[in-house]
Amino acid sequence: MAEIKIISERCKSCGYCVKFCPKNVLEIGTEVNSKGYEYVTPARMSDCIACLMCGRICPDGAIEIYK
């Protein structure tokens, strides 16, 4: 099973990772980082297939995936 780590301070809530995840694992959370953005959180980790799409699509390098 994969582990997704969101580096909250890098996330600007663009939503690309949420939109392009084939299994809808990620969602925009309710917590706010120091820049004022509600950052992404892994909501359904059990559905993750470790395709790495979220990490590839993130323009700010805010997502790390560990297999």
N, C-alpha and C. Protein backbone atom coordinates (compact mmCIF):
# COMPACT_ATOMS: atom_id res chain seq x y z
N MET A 1 0.84 -1.18 0.00
CA MET A 1 0.00 0.00 0.00
C MET A 1 0.89 1.25 0.00
N ALA A 2 0.47 2.23 -0.71
CA ALA A 2 1.23 3.47 -0.82
C ALA A 2 0.91 4.42 0.33
N GLU A 3 1.82 5.35 0.52
CA GLU A 3 1.61 6.43 1.49
C GLU A 3 1.80 7.74 0.76
N ILE A 4 0.85 8.64 0.92
CA ILE A 4 0.94 9.96 0.30
C ILE A 4 1.20 10.98 1.40
N LYS A 5 2.26 11.77 1.20
CA LYS A 5 2.58 12.83 2.16
C LYS A 5 2.39 14.17 1.46
N ILE A 6 1.56 15.01 2.03
CA ILE A 6 1.33 16.35 1.50
C ILE A 6 2.18 17.33 2.31
N ILE A 7 3.01 18.09 1.63
CA ILE A 7 3.80 19.13 2.28
C ILE A 7 2.92 20.38 2.25
N SER A 8 2.19 20.59 3.32
CA SER A 8 1.12 21.58 3.35
C SER A 8 1.58 22.99 3.02
N GLU A 9 2.79 23.36 3.41
CA GLU A 9 3.27 24.72 3.15
C GLU A 9 3.56 24.99 1.67
N ARG A 10 3.73 23.94 0.90
CA ARG A 10 3.96 24.11 -0.54
C ARG A 10 2.65 24.14 -1.33
N CYS A 11 1.60 23.59 -0.78
CA CYS A 11 0.33 23.45 -1.50
C CYS A 11 -0.38 24.81 -1.62
N LYS A 12 -0.82 25.12 -2.84
CA LYS A 12 -1.56 26.36 -3.06
C LYS A 12 -3.00 26.09 -3.48
N SER A 13 -3.45 24.86 -3.25
CA SER A 13 -4.84 24.48 -3.46
C SER A 13 -5.28 24.65 -4.92
N CYS A 14 -4.41 24.32 -5.86
CA CYS A 14 -4.77 24.44 -7.28
C CYS A 14 -5.78 23.38 -7.69
N GLY A 15 -5.75 22.22 -7.02
CA GLY A 15 -6.72 21.17 -7.28
C GLY A 15 -6.36 20.22 -8.41
N TYR A 16 -5.19 20.39 -9.03
CA TYR A 16 -4.80 19.49 -10.12
C TYR A 16 -4.74 18.03 -9.65
N CYS A 17 -4.16 17.81 -8.50
CA CYS A 17 -4.03 16.43 -8.00
C CYS A 17 -5.40 15.81 -7.74
N VAL A 18 -6.32 16.61 -7.23
CA VAL A 18 -7.68 16.13 -6.96
C VAL A 18 -8.37 15.77 -8.27
N LYS A 19 -8.23 16.64 -9.25
CA LYS A 19 -8.89 16.45 -10.54
C LYS A 19 -8.36 15.24 -11.31
N PHE A 20 -7.04 15.03 -11.27
CA PHE A 20 -6.44 13.99 -12.09
C PHE A 20 -6.24 12.65 -11.40
N CYS A 21 -6.55 12.54 -10.13
CA CYS A 21 -6.44 11.24 -9.44
C CYS A 21 -7.53 10.31 -9.97
N PRO A 22 -7.14 9.16 -10.54
CA PRO A 22 -8.14 8.25 -11.11
C PRO A 22 -9.03 7.58 -10.07
N LYS A 23 -8.63 7.59 -8.83
CA LYS A 23 -9.40 6.92 -7.77
C LYS A 23 -10.00 7.88 -6.75
N ASN A 24 -9.89 9.19 -6.99
CA ASN A 24 -10.46 10.20 -6.08
C ASN A 24 -9.97 10.05 -4.64
N VAL A 25 -8.68 9.83 -4.51
CA VAL A 25 -8.08 9.64 -3.19
C VAL A 25 -7.93 10.96 -2.43
N LEU A 26 -7.66 12.03 -3.16
CA LEU A 26 -7.35 13.32 -2.53
C LEU A 26 -8.55 14.27 -2.55
N GLU A 27 -8.55 15.18 -1.59
CA GLU A 27 -9.56 16.24 -1.57
C GLU A 27 -8.96 17.49 -0.94
N ILE A 28 -9.55 18.63 -1.25
CA ILE A 28 -9.11 19.88 -0.64
C ILE A 28 -9.64 19.88 0.79
N GLY A 29 -8.73 20.03 1.73
CA GLY A 29 -9.10 19.98 3.15
C GLY A 29 -9.67 21.29 3.66
N THR A 30 -9.86 21.34 4.94
CA THR A 30 -10.40 22.54 5.59
C THR A 30 -9.34 23.29 6.38
N GLU A 31 -8.19 22.66 6.61
CA GLU A 31 -7.09 23.30 7.33
C GLU A 31 -6.38 24.27 6.39
N VAL A 32 -5.83 25.34 6.94
CA VAL A 32 -5.19 26.39 6.15
C VAL A 32 -3.70 26.46 6.50
N ASN A 33 -2.86 26.57 5.44
CA ASN A 33 -1.43 26.72 5.70
C ASN A 33 -1.09 28.19 5.98
N SER A 34 0.18 28.49 6.20
CA SER A 34 0.57 29.86 6.59
C SER A 34 0.37 30.88 5.47
N LYS A 35 0.19 30.39 4.23
CA LYS A 35 -0.04 31.30 3.10
C LYS A 35 -1.54 31.56 2.88
N GLY A 36 -2.38 30.90 3.68
CA GLY A 36 -3.81 31.11 3.58
C GLY A 36 -4.55 30.16 2.66
N TYR A 37 -3.88 29.10 2.19
CA TYR A 37 -4.50 28.13 1.29
C TYR A 37 -5.01 26.92 2.07
N GLU A 38 -6.19 26.45 1.71
CA GLU A 38 -6.67 25.18 2.24
C GLU A 38 -5.95 24.09 1.45
N TYR A 39 -5.11 23.35 2.12
CA TYR A 39 -4.28 22.39 1.41
C TYR A 39 -4.97 21.02 1.25
N VAL A 40 -4.44 20.27 0.30
CA VAL A 40 -4.99 18.96 -0.05
C VAL A 40 -4.67 17.93 1.03
N THR A 41 -5.58 16.99 1.22
CA THR A 41 -5.35 15.90 2.16
C THR A 41 -5.74 14.58 1.51
N PRO A 42 -5.05 13.50 1.86
CA PRO A 42 -5.47 12.19 1.37
C PRO A 42 -6.69 11.73 2.17
N ALA A 43 -7.81 11.57 1.50
CA ALA A 43 -9.06 11.25 2.18
C ALA A 43 -9.41 9.76 2.13
N ARG A 44 -9.01 9.10 1.05
CA ARG A 44 -9.36 7.69 0.87
C ARG A 44 -8.12 6.88 0.48
N MET A 45 -7.19 6.77 1.40
CA MET A 45 -5.92 6.09 1.12
C MET A 45 -6.11 4.63 0.72
N SER A 46 -7.13 3.99 1.20
CA SER A 46 -7.35 2.58 0.86
C SER A 46 -7.66 2.39 -0.62
N ASP A 47 -8.08 3.46 -1.31
CA ASP A 47 -8.36 3.39 -2.74
C ASP A 47 -7.15 3.70 -3.60
N CYS A 48 -6.06 4.15 -3.01
CA CYS A 48 -4.87 4.55 -3.75
C CYS A 48 -4.23 3.35 -4.45
N ILE A 49 -3.92 3.53 -5.75
CA ILE A 49 -3.27 2.47 -6.52
C ILE A 49 -1.80 2.81 -6.80
N ALA A 50 -1.28 3.85 -6.17
CA ALA A 50 0.11 4.27 -6.30
C ALA A 50 0.51 4.53 -7.75
N CYS A 51 -0.36 5.20 -8.50
CA CYS A 51 -0.07 5.51 -9.90
C CYS A 51 0.89 6.69 -10.03
N LEU A 52 1.09 7.44 -8.95
CA LEU A 52 2.01 8.58 -8.88
C LEU A 52 1.53 9.82 -9.66
N MET A 53 0.32 9.78 -10.18
CA MET A 53 -0.20 10.90 -10.97
C MET A 53 -0.23 12.19 -10.16
N CYS A 54 -0.63 12.13 -8.92
CA CYS A 54 -0.73 13.33 -8.09
C CYS A 54 0.63 14.00 -7.93
N GLY A 55 1.65 13.21 -7.69
CA GLY A 55 2.99 13.75 -7.53
C GLY A 55 3.56 14.34 -8.81
N ARG A 56 3.22 13.73 -9.94
CA ARG A 56 3.69 14.23 -11.23
C ARG A 56 3.00 15.53 -11.63
N ILE A 57 1.73 15.65 -11.32
CA ILE A 57 0.93 16.79 -11.78
C ILE A 57 1.09 18.01 -10.89
N CYS A 58 1.55 17.84 -9.67
CA CYS A 58 1.65 18.96 -8.72
C CYS A 58 2.71 19.96 -9.17
N PRO A 59 2.31 21.20 -9.48
CA PRO A 59 3.28 22.19 -9.96
C PRO A 59 4.22 22.71 -8.87
N ASP A 60 3.92 22.44 -7.61
CA ASP A 60 4.72 22.97 -6.51
C ASP A 60 5.50 21.91 -5.76
N GLY A 61 5.46 20.67 -6.22
CA GLY A 61 6.18 19.60 -5.55
C GLY A 61 5.73 19.37 -4.13
N ALA A 62 4.43 19.51 -3.90
CA ALA A 62 3.89 19.40 -2.55
C ALA A 62 3.47 17.99 -2.17
N ILE A 63 3.63 17.04 -3.10
CA ILE A 63 3.17 15.68 -2.83
C ILE A 63 4.32 14.70 -2.97
N GLU A 64 4.49 13.85 -1.97
CA GLU A 64 5.47 12.78 -2.01
C GLU A 64 4.72 11.48 -1.85
N ILE A 65 5.07 10.49 -2.67
CA ILE A 65 4.42 9.18 -2.64
C ILE A 65 5.46 8.14 -2.30
N TYR A 66 5.15 7.30 -1.34
CA TYR A 66 6.03 6.22 -0.93
C TYR A 66 5.32 4.90 -1.16
N LYS A 67 5.98 3.99 -1.86
CA LYS A 67 5.38 2.67 -2.11
C LYS A 67 5.87 1.69 -1.07
